[in-house]
Amino acid sequence: MPAAARDLERIADLATNVAEDIVFLVEVHLIRHAHRHPGAQG
């Protein structure tokens, strides 16, 4: 059972990566590890 949970977590991580790549391609900005600074635009 722990192996199944690990596999599901890996699938979820890969799905997140794909979604982030799609957002990047569509919106042309990187949302991974995004750090918002006070006064920053965007």
C-alpha atoms as a PDB file:
ATOM      1  CA  MET A   1       0.000   0.000   0.000  1.00  0.00           C
ATOM      2  CA  PRO A   2       2.751   2.567   0.696  1.00  0.00           C
ATOM      3  CA  ALA A   3       4.035   2.004  -2.848  1.00  0.00           C
ATOM      4  CA  ALA A   4       0.612   2.879  -4.270  1.00  0.00           C
ATOM      5  CA  ALA A   5       0.499   6.081  -2.226  1.00  0.00           C
ATOM      6  CA  ARG A   6       3.989   7.006  -3.414  1.00  0.00           C
ATOM      7  CA  ASP A   7       2.985   6.362  -7.032  1.00  0.00           C
ATOM      8  CA  LEU A   8      -0.141   8.505  -6.656  1.00  0.00           C
ATOM      9  CA  GLU A   9       1.943  11.309  -5.169  1.00  0.00           C
ATOM     10  CA  ARG A  10       4.348  11.099  -8.107  1.00  0.00           C
ATOM     11  CA  ILE A  11       1.451  11.238 -10.581  1.00  0.00           C
ATOM     12  CA  ALA A  12       0.087  14.310  -8.795  1.00  0.00           C
ATOM     13  CA  ASP A  13       3.508  15.989  -8.876  1.00  0.00           C
ATOM     14  CA  LEU A  14       3.853  15.313 -12.595  1.00  0.00           C
ATOM     15  CA  ALA A  15       0.341  16.638 -13.247  1.00  0.00           C
ATOM     16  CA  THR A  16       1.255  19.809 -11.337  1.00  0.00           C
ATOM     17  CA  ASN A  17       4.394  20.221 -13.445  1.00  0.00           C
ATOM     18  CA  VAL A  18       2.393  19.823 -16.658  1.00  0.00           C
ATOM     19  CA  ALA A  19      -0.178  22.380 -15.471  1.00  0.00           C
ATOM     20  CA  GLU A  20       2.583  24.865 -14.575  1.00  0.00           C
ATOM     21  CA  ASP A  21       4.162  24.410 -18.000  1.00  0.00           C
ATOM     22  CA  ILE A  22       0.815  25.048 -19.696  1.00  0.00           C
ATOM     23  CA  VAL A  23       0.278  28.221 -17.659  1.00  0.00           C
ATOM     24  CA  PHE A  24       3.785  29.341 -18.587  1.00  0.00           C
ATOM     25  CA  LEU A  25       3.145  28.755 -22.286  1.00  0.00           C
ATOM     26  CA  VAL A  26      -0.205  30.538 -22.198  1.00  0.00           C
ATOM     27  CA  GLU A  27       0.601  33.437 -19.895  1.00  0.00           C
ATOM     28  CA  VAL A  28       4.334  33.701 -20.624  1.00  0.00           C
ATOM     29  CA  HIS A  29       5.444  33.982 -17.029  1.00  0.00           C
ATOM     30  CA  LEU A  30       6.791  31.572 -14.501  1.00  0.00           C
ATOM     31  CA  ILE A  31       4.567  30.759 -11.524  1.00  0.00           C
ATOM     32  CA  ARG A  32       6.850  28.121  -9.982  1.00  0.00           C
ATOM     33  CA  HIS A  33       8.582  29.372  -6.886  1.00  0.00           C
ATOM     34  CA  ALA A  34       6.970  32.757  -7.439  1.00  0.00           C
ATOM     35  CA  HIS A  35       7.911  35.308  -4.840  1.00  0.00           C
ATOM     36  CA  ARG A  36       5.789  38.390  -4.606  1.00  0.00           C
ATOM     37  CA  HIS A  37       7.523  41.495  -3.367  1.00  0.00           C
ATOM     38  CA  PRO A  38       5.735  44.515  -1.949  1.00  0.00           C
ATOM     39  CA  GLY A  39       5.170  46.995  -4.721  1.00  0.00           C
ATOM     40  CA  ALA A  40       5.887  44.445  -7.453  1.00  0.00           C
ATOM     41  CA  GLN A  41       3.666  44.584 -10.481  1.00  0.00           C
ATOM     42  CA  GLY A  42       2.123  41.492 -12.062  1.00  0.00           C
END
